[in-house]
Each structure stands twice: as structure tokens, then as C-alpha cells.
Amino acid sequence: MTSSDRSPWHVPAVLALFAITAVLVLSCGCTQQTAKTTDTTSGVSITKPDDTHISVAFVGAPGMDGLLELEITVTDSNGKNRTQSIGSRLHTTPIQVHSTQTFTGSYGGRNYVFITAYFTDGSQRTIIDQDI
């Protein structure tokens, strides 16, 4: 077979396969969660500075002015749940920005955080539902 016998699509097809492979490799590497996760679009920042602590802080966001309580449930990799709150839905004073709750435990593996926000108008909504 001579070089003139090769089909004209051979080189572009090989280049396309390399490009697709590169995109897949890069996208798989970029979607891995790190040990420290921050989500500020919900008005909450979650950090895991080490394998024994998870901290949740209210950092503020539009529409969060009447926030009375953040009910936070953390499930460790062994399935143990801990629920703690910042603020209280029974009070009438909204949570102050930068209020923080830290969980101490065994958080070495994949952990799950679920946070419900309660507001002065009586409404509630899930603002965090993620692995960390």
C-alpha cells in the first residue's frame, strides 16, 4: 500500500480521536471533588479542612435576608448522621452573616451534607444537597 492509496479521511479521523481522548481525560480529571469544597451561590460555604472537621458558614446571598435557621445534617462515610443548626426558626432575629457551625468527627471518606433553610415568612427550602 502506498501513501497515495490511503483514504483522505485517515489523518483527520486520527486527529479527531486524539482530540476526543484528550477532552475525556481532561474532563474526568477536572470533575473530581477535592477535600475542600465551597459553595457560595447558596449563601453557604462548606469546608473540610481535614479528616476530622467539616465547617458550614453562612456567607450571605441575595434573597437570604430573612433566614432564621440553617438545619445542617452531615452523614459520614460510615453512615453516621449528625444534625446541628445555625440560628433557630423559633426566633425572630435572622442569622448574621459569617455565623459558623463546625462538625467534629471521622470525616476521612466521602461525606454527605444536606442543609435546609428556614425563613421569617414561614417558608423553607433545601439549599445544599451534596457529597463532600
N, C-alpha and C. Protein backbone atom coordinates (compact mmCIF):
# COMPACT_ATOMS: atom_id res chain seq x y z
N MET A 1 0.84 -1.16 0.00
CA MET A 1 0.00 0.00 0.00
C MET A 1 0.90 1.24 0.00
N THR A 2 0.67 2.12 -0.91
CA THR A 2 1.45 3.34 -1.00
C THR A 2 0.72 4.45 -0.27
N SER A 3 1.42 5.56 -0.05
CA SER A 3 0.79 6.68 0.66
C SER A 3 -0.36 7.26 -0.14
N SER A 4 -0.36 7.09 -1.46
CA SER A 4 -1.45 7.62 -2.27
C SER A 4 -2.68 6.72 -2.21
N ASP A 5 -2.53 5.47 -1.69
CA ASP A 5 -3.66 4.56 -1.59
C ASP A 5 -4.47 4.78 -0.32
N ARG A 6 -3.97 5.51 0.64
CA ARG A 6 -4.70 5.75 1.89
C ARG A 6 -5.90 6.65 1.61
N SER A 7 -6.96 6.41 2.36
CA SER A 7 -8.14 7.24 2.15
C SER A 7 -7.89 8.63 2.73
N PRO A 8 -8.52 9.65 2.19
CA PRO A 8 -8.27 11.03 2.61
C PRO A 8 -8.76 11.33 4.03
N TRP A 9 -9.59 10.52 4.61
CA TRP A 9 -10.11 10.78 5.96
C TRP A 9 -9.22 10.21 7.06
N HIS A 10 -8.19 9.47 6.72
CA HIS A 10 -7.34 8.80 7.70
C HIS A 10 -6.72 9.77 8.71
N VAL A 11 -6.06 10.81 8.24
CA VAL A 11 -5.38 11.76 9.14
C VAL A 11 -6.39 12.55 9.98
N PRO A 12 -7.44 13.12 9.40
CA PRO A 12 -8.42 13.84 10.23
C PRO A 12 -9.11 12.92 11.25
N ALA A 13 -9.35 11.68 10.89
CA ALA A 13 -10.00 10.76 11.83
C ALA A 13 -9.10 10.47 13.02
N VAL A 14 -7.82 10.27 12.78
CA VAL A 14 -6.87 10.03 13.86
C VAL A 14 -6.77 11.26 14.75
N LEU A 15 -6.70 12.44 14.16
CA LEU A 15 -6.65 13.68 14.94
C LEU A 15 -7.92 13.86 15.78
N ALA A 16 -9.06 13.53 15.20
CA ALA A 16 -10.31 13.64 15.93
C ALA A 16 -10.34 12.68 17.12
N LEU A 17 -9.84 11.46 16.94
CA LEU A 17 -9.78 10.51 18.04
C LEU A 17 -8.88 11.01 19.16
N PHE A 18 -7.72 11.58 18.80
CA PHE A 18 -6.84 12.15 19.82
C PHE A 18 -7.51 13.30 20.55
N ALA A 19 -8.23 14.15 19.83
CA ALA A 19 -8.91 15.29 20.44
C ALA A 19 -10.00 14.82 21.41
N ILE A 20 -10.78 13.84 20.99
CA ILE A 20 -11.84 13.30 21.85
C ILE A 20 -11.24 12.67 23.10
N THR A 21 -10.17 11.92 22.93
CA THR A 21 -9.50 11.29 24.07
C THR A 21 -8.97 12.35 25.03
N ALA A 22 -8.38 13.40 24.52
CA ALA A 22 -7.85 14.48 25.36
C ALA A 22 -8.97 15.16 26.14
N VAL A 23 -10.08 15.43 25.49
CA VAL A 23 -11.22 16.06 26.16
C VAL A 23 -11.75 15.16 27.27
N LEU A 24 -11.88 13.88 27.00
CA LEU A 24 -12.37 12.95 28.02
C LEU A 24 -11.43 12.87 29.21
N VAL A 25 -10.16 12.78 28.96
CA VAL A 25 -9.17 12.71 30.04
C VAL A 25 -9.21 13.98 30.89
N LEU A 26 -9.24 15.12 30.24
CA LEU A 26 -9.27 16.39 30.97
C LEU A 26 -10.56 16.56 31.75
N SER A 27 -11.69 16.22 31.17
CA SER A 27 -12.96 16.40 31.86
C SER A 27 -13.09 15.45 33.04
N CYS A 28 -12.59 14.26 32.94
CA CYS A 28 -12.64 13.33 34.07
C CYS A 28 -11.76 13.83 35.21
N GLY A 29 -10.62 14.37 34.90
CA GLY A 29 -9.73 14.88 35.92
C GLY A 29 -10.26 16.14 36.57
N CYS A 30 -11.00 16.95 35.83
CA CYS A 30 -11.48 18.22 36.36
C CYS A 30 -12.74 18.08 37.20
N THR A 31 -13.43 16.96 37.14
CA THR A 31 -14.67 16.82 37.88
C THR A 31 -14.47 16.12 39.22
N GLN A 32 -13.25 15.72 39.55
CA GLN A 32 -13.00 15.10 40.84
C GLN A 32 -13.13 16.13 41.93
N GLN A 33 -13.89 15.83 43.00
CA GLN A 33 -14.01 16.76 44.10
C GLN A 33 -12.76 16.74 44.95
N THR A 34 -12.40 17.90 45.43
CA THR A 34 -11.26 18.00 46.31
C THR A 34 -11.71 17.84 47.75
N ALA A 35 -10.77 17.78 48.65
CA ALA A 35 -11.10 17.63 50.06
C ALA A 35 -11.76 18.87 50.61
N LYS A 36 -11.62 19.99 49.96
CA LYS A 36 -12.20 21.24 50.43
C LYS A 36 -13.19 21.73 49.38
N THR A 37 -14.44 21.91 49.77
CA THR A 37 -15.47 22.35 48.84
C THR A 37 -16.12 23.61 49.37
N THR A 38 -16.33 24.57 48.49
CA THR A 38 -17.00 25.80 48.88
C THR A 38 -18.14 26.05 47.91
N ASP A 39 -19.30 26.33 48.45
CA ASP A 39 -20.47 26.65 47.64
C ASP A 39 -21.03 27.96 48.18
N THR A 40 -20.76 29.05 47.49
CA THR A 40 -21.24 30.33 47.98
C THR A 40 -22.48 30.83 47.24
N THR A 41 -22.91 30.16 46.17
CA THR A 41 -24.10 30.61 45.45
C THR A 41 -25.35 30.41 46.28
N SER A 42 -25.33 29.50 47.24
CA SER A 42 -26.47 29.26 48.10
C SER A 42 -26.44 30.15 49.33
N GLY A 43 -25.37 30.93 49.49
CA GLY A 43 -25.22 31.74 50.68
C GLY A 43 -24.50 31.00 51.78
N VAL A 44 -24.06 29.78 51.49
CA VAL A 44 -23.40 28.93 52.47
C VAL A 44 -22.05 28.47 51.92
N SER A 45 -21.06 28.46 52.79
CA SER A 45 -19.74 27.96 52.44
C SER A 45 -19.48 26.71 53.28
N ILE A 46 -19.09 25.62 52.62
CA ILE A 46 -18.77 24.37 53.31
C ILE A 46 -17.30 24.08 53.08
N THR A 47 -16.57 23.84 54.16
CA THR A 47 -15.16 23.49 54.03
C THR A 47 -14.87 22.25 54.86
N LYS A 48 -13.95 21.46 54.34
CA LYS A 48 -13.45 20.28 55.04
C LYS A 48 -11.94 20.43 55.12
N PRO A 49 -11.44 21.13 56.17
CA PRO A 49 -10.02 21.42 56.24
C PRO A 49 -9.15 20.19 56.50
N ASP A 50 -9.76 19.16 57.11
CA ASP A 50 -9.01 17.93 57.38
C ASP A 50 -10.03 16.79 57.55
N ASP A 51 -9.55 15.61 57.93
CA ASP A 51 -10.42 14.43 58.03
C ASP A 51 -11.24 14.37 59.32
N THR A 52 -11.15 15.41 60.15
CA THR A 52 -11.91 15.39 61.41
C THR A 52 -12.87 16.57 61.55
N HIS A 53 -12.90 17.47 60.57
CA HIS A 53 -13.76 18.66 60.68
C HIS A 53 -14.47 18.98 59.37
N ILE A 54 -15.71 19.40 59.50
CA ILE A 54 -16.46 20.00 58.40
C ILE A 54 -17.08 21.26 58.97
N SER A 55 -16.85 22.39 58.32
CA SER A 55 -17.38 23.67 58.79
C SER A 55 -18.38 24.21 57.78
N VAL A 56 -19.47 24.75 58.30
CA VAL A 56 -20.50 25.37 57.48
C VAL A 56 -20.64 26.81 57.95
N ALA A 57 -20.57 27.75 57.02
CA ALA A 57 -20.69 29.16 57.36
C ALA A 57 -21.74 29.82 56.48
N PHE A 58 -22.55 30.68 57.06
CA PHE A 58 -23.49 31.48 56.29
C PHE A 58 -22.75 32.72 55.82
N VAL A 59 -22.57 32.85 54.51
CA VAL A 59 -21.82 33.97 53.95
C VAL A 59 -22.71 35.02 53.31
N GLY A 60 -24.01 34.77 53.30
CA GLY A 60 -24.95 35.72 52.73
C GLY A 60 -25.11 35.56 51.23
N ALA A 61 -26.29 35.91 50.75
CA ALA A 61 -26.61 35.85 49.32
C ALA A 61 -27.92 36.59 49.10
N PRO A 62 -28.17 37.02 47.87
CA PRO A 62 -29.45 37.68 47.59
C PRO A 62 -30.62 36.75 47.93
N GLY A 63 -31.64 37.31 48.54
CA GLY A 63 -32.83 36.54 48.90
C GLY A 63 -32.70 35.80 50.22
N MET A 64 -31.61 36.00 50.94
CA MET A 64 -31.39 35.29 52.20
C MET A 64 -31.54 36.22 53.41
N ASP A 65 -32.13 37.39 53.21
CA ASP A 65 -32.24 38.37 54.30
C ASP A 65 -33.07 37.87 55.48
N GLY A 66 -34.11 37.12 55.23
CA GLY A 66 -34.99 36.65 56.29
C GLY A 66 -34.66 35.25 56.77
N LEU A 67 -33.42 34.85 56.68
CA LEU A 67 -33.01 33.50 57.08
C LEU A 67 -32.96 33.38 58.60
N LEU A 68 -33.76 32.47 59.16
CA LEU A 68 -33.79 32.26 60.61
C LEU A 68 -32.94 31.09 61.06
N GLU A 69 -32.89 30.03 60.25
CA GLU A 69 -32.18 28.82 60.67
C GLU A 69 -31.62 28.07 59.47
N LEU A 70 -30.43 27.55 59.66
CA LEU A 70 -29.86 26.57 58.74
C LEU A 70 -29.79 25.26 59.51
N GLU A 71 -30.58 24.29 59.11
CA GLU A 71 -30.55 22.97 59.72
C GLU A 71 -29.61 22.11 58.88
N ILE A 72 -28.49 21.70 59.48
CA ILE A 72 -27.41 21.05 58.76
C ILE A 72 -27.31 19.59 59.20
N THR A 73 -27.36 18.67 58.25
CA THR A 73 -27.15 17.26 58.55
C THR A 73 -25.92 16.80 57.77
N VAL A 74 -24.98 16.23 58.51
CA VAL A 74 -23.76 15.69 57.91
C VAL A 74 -23.77 14.18 58.13
N THR A 75 -23.61 13.43 57.07
CA THR A 75 -23.52 11.97 57.14
C THR A 75 -22.11 11.57 56.77
N ASP A 76 -21.42 10.87 57.68
CA ASP A 76 -20.05 10.47 57.38
C ASP A 76 -20.04 9.23 56.49
N SER A 77 -18.85 8.80 56.09
CA SER A 77 -18.73 7.68 55.16
C SER A 77 -19.19 6.36 55.76
N ASN A 78 -19.37 6.30 57.07
CA ASN A 78 -19.88 5.09 57.74
C ASN A 78 -21.40 5.12 57.92
N GLY A 79 -22.04 6.22 57.48
CA GLY A 79 -23.49 6.33 57.58
C GLY A 79 -23.98 6.98 58.86
N LYS A 80 -23.09 7.48 59.70
CA LYS A 80 -23.49 8.14 60.95
C LYS A 80 -23.93 9.57 60.65
N ASN A 81 -25.15 9.93 61.11
CA ASN A 81 -25.72 11.26 60.90
C ASN A 81 -25.52 12.14 62.12
N ARG A 82 -25.24 13.41 61.88
CA ARG A 82 -25.23 14.43 62.93
C ARG A 82 -25.97 15.63 62.38
N THR A 83 -26.91 16.15 63.18
CA THR A 83 -27.67 17.33 62.77
C THR A 83 -27.46 18.43 63.80
N GLN A 84 -27.09 19.60 63.31
CA GLN A 84 -26.94 20.79 64.15
C GLN A 84 -27.47 21.98 63.37
N SER A 85 -27.78 23.05 64.07
CA SER A 85 -28.35 24.22 63.42
C SER A 85 -27.54 25.47 63.70
N ILE A 86 -27.62 26.39 62.77
CA ILE A 86 -27.19 27.76 62.97
C ILE A 86 -28.48 28.56 63.07
N GLY A 87 -28.68 29.25 64.17
CA GLY A 87 -29.91 30.01 64.38
C GLY A 87 -31.04 29.09 64.81
N SER A 88 -32.26 29.66 64.83
CA SER A 88 -33.45 28.89 65.22
C SER A 88 -34.67 29.46 64.52
N ARG A 89 -35.48 28.59 63.97
CA ARG A 89 -36.71 29.05 63.29
C ARG A 89 -37.74 29.54 64.30
N LEU A 90 -37.50 29.30 65.59
CA LEU A 90 -38.41 29.77 66.64
C LEU A 90 -38.12 31.21 67.03
N HIS A 91 -36.98 31.76 66.62
CA HIS A 91 -36.63 33.14 66.92
C HIS A 91 -37.12 34.06 65.81
N THR A 92 -37.05 35.33 66.06
CA THR A 92 -37.48 36.31 65.06
C THR A 92 -36.31 37.09 64.48
N THR A 93 -35.11 36.85 64.99
CA THR A 93 -33.92 37.55 64.51
C THR A 93 -33.21 36.71 63.46
N PRO A 94 -33.00 37.25 62.26
CA PRO A 94 -32.30 36.50 61.22
C PRO A 94 -30.86 36.17 61.61
N ILE A 95 -30.33 35.13 60.98
CA ILE A 95 -28.95 34.72 61.19
C ILE A 95 -28.02 35.82 60.69
N GLN A 96 -26.96 36.07 61.42
CA GLN A 96 -25.97 37.05 60.98
C GLN A 96 -25.00 36.40 59.99
N VAL A 97 -24.58 37.21 59.03
CA VAL A 97 -23.58 36.75 58.06
C VAL A 97 -22.32 36.37 58.81
N HIS A 98 -21.68 35.30 58.38
CA HIS A 98 -20.45 34.72 58.94
C HIS A 98 -20.72 33.86 60.16
N SER A 99 -21.98 33.55 60.46
CA SER A 99 -22.27 32.57 61.51
C SER A 99 -21.77 31.22 61.03
N THR A 100 -21.17 30.45 61.95
CA THR A 100 -20.50 29.20 61.57
C THR A 100 -20.88 28.07 62.51
N GLN A 101 -20.94 26.86 61.95
CA GLN A 101 -21.13 25.63 62.74
C GLN A 101 -20.07 24.64 62.26
N THR A 102 -19.31 24.08 63.21
CA THR A 102 -18.27 23.11 62.87
C THR A 102 -18.64 21.75 63.43
N PHE A 103 -18.54 20.74 62.59
CA PHE A 103 -18.77 19.36 62.98
C PHE A 103 -17.42 18.70 63.19
N THR A 104 -17.28 17.98 64.30
CA THR A 104 -16.06 17.25 64.59
C THR A 104 -16.39 15.77 64.61
N GLY A 105 -15.63 14.98 63.90
CA GLY A 105 -15.88 13.54 63.83
C GLY A 105 -14.90 12.87 62.90
N SER A 106 -15.29 11.74 62.39
CA SER A 106 -14.45 10.98 61.46
C SER A 106 -14.97 11.21 60.05
N TYR A 107 -14.36 12.14 59.34
CA TYR A 107 -14.81 12.52 58.01
C TYR A 107 -13.75 12.23 56.95
N GLY A 108 -13.08 11.08 57.08
CA GLY A 108 -11.99 10.72 56.18
C GLY A 108 -12.43 10.31 54.79
N GLY A 109 -13.61 9.76 54.64
CA GLY A 109 -14.05 9.29 53.32
C GLY A 109 -14.96 10.29 52.66
N ARG A 110 -15.90 9.77 51.88
CA ARG A 110 -16.88 10.62 51.22
C ARG A 110 -18.01 10.90 52.21
N ASN A 111 -18.34 12.17 52.39
CA ASN A 111 -19.36 12.59 53.34
C ASN A 111 -20.47 13.31 52.59
N TYR A 112 -21.63 13.37 53.22
CA TYR A 112 -22.80 13.96 52.59
C TYR A 112 -23.32 15.09 53.47
N VAL A 113 -23.63 16.23 52.86
CA VAL A 113 -24.14 17.39 53.58
C VAL A 113 -25.49 17.78 53.00
N PHE A 114 -26.48 17.94 53.89
CA PHE A 114 -27.82 18.34 53.50
C PHE A 114 -28.23 19.50 54.39
N ILE A 115 -28.58 20.64 53.78
CA ILE A 115 -28.92 21.83 54.56
C ILE A 115 -30.28 22.36 54.12
N THR A 116 -31.15 22.58 55.11
CA THR A 116 -32.45 23.19 54.88
C THR A 116 -32.43 24.58 55.49
N ALA A 117 -32.91 25.57 54.76
CA ALA A 117 -33.00 26.95 55.24
C ALA A 117 -34.45 27.25 55.60
N TYR A 118 -34.63 27.89 56.76
CA TYR A 118 -35.96 28.30 57.23
C TYR A 118 -35.99 29.83 57.30
N PHE A 119 -37.07 30.42 56.80
CA PHE A 119 -37.15 31.87 56.64
C PHE A 119 -38.27 32.48 57.49
N THR A 120 -38.17 33.82 57.67
CA THR A 120 -39.14 34.55 58.51
C THR A 120 -40.57 34.46 57.98
N ASP A 121 -40.75 34.26 56.69
CA ASP A 121 -42.11 34.18 56.12
C ASP A 121 -42.72 32.79 56.28
N GLY A 122 -42.01 31.88 56.97
CA GLY A 122 -42.52 30.52 57.20
C GLY A 122 -42.11 29.52 56.13
N SER A 123 -41.45 29.99 55.09
CA SER A 123 -41.04 29.08 54.03
C SER A 123 -39.74 28.37 54.40
N GLN A 124 -39.49 27.30 53.69
CA GLN A 124 -38.24 26.56 53.86
C GLN A 124 -37.82 26.02 52.51
N ARG A 125 -36.51 25.82 52.33
CA ARG A 125 -36.03 25.22 51.08
C ARG A 125 -34.68 24.57 51.31
N THR A 126 -34.43 23.55 50.52
CA THR A 126 -33.14 22.87 50.55
C THR A 126 -32.15 23.74 49.79
N ILE A 127 -31.02 24.06 50.44
CA ILE A 127 -30.04 24.90 49.77
C ILE A 127 -28.74 24.14 49.48
N ILE A 128 -28.48 23.05 50.19
CA ILE A 128 -27.32 22.21 49.93
C ILE A 128 -27.75 20.75 49.99
N ASP A 129 -27.35 19.98 49.00
CA ASP A 129 -27.62 18.56 48.93
C ASP A 129 -26.47 17.96 48.11
N GLN A 130 -25.34 17.68 48.79
CA GLN A 130 -24.14 17.30 48.04
C GLN A 130 -23.19 16.44 48.86
N ASP A 131 -22.35 15.72 48.14
CA ASP A 131 -21.24 14.98 48.76
C ASP A 131 -20.07 15.95 48.91
N ILE A 132 -19.29 15.68 49.94
CA ILE A 132 -18.08 16.47 50.14
C ILE A 132 -16.95 15.54 50.55
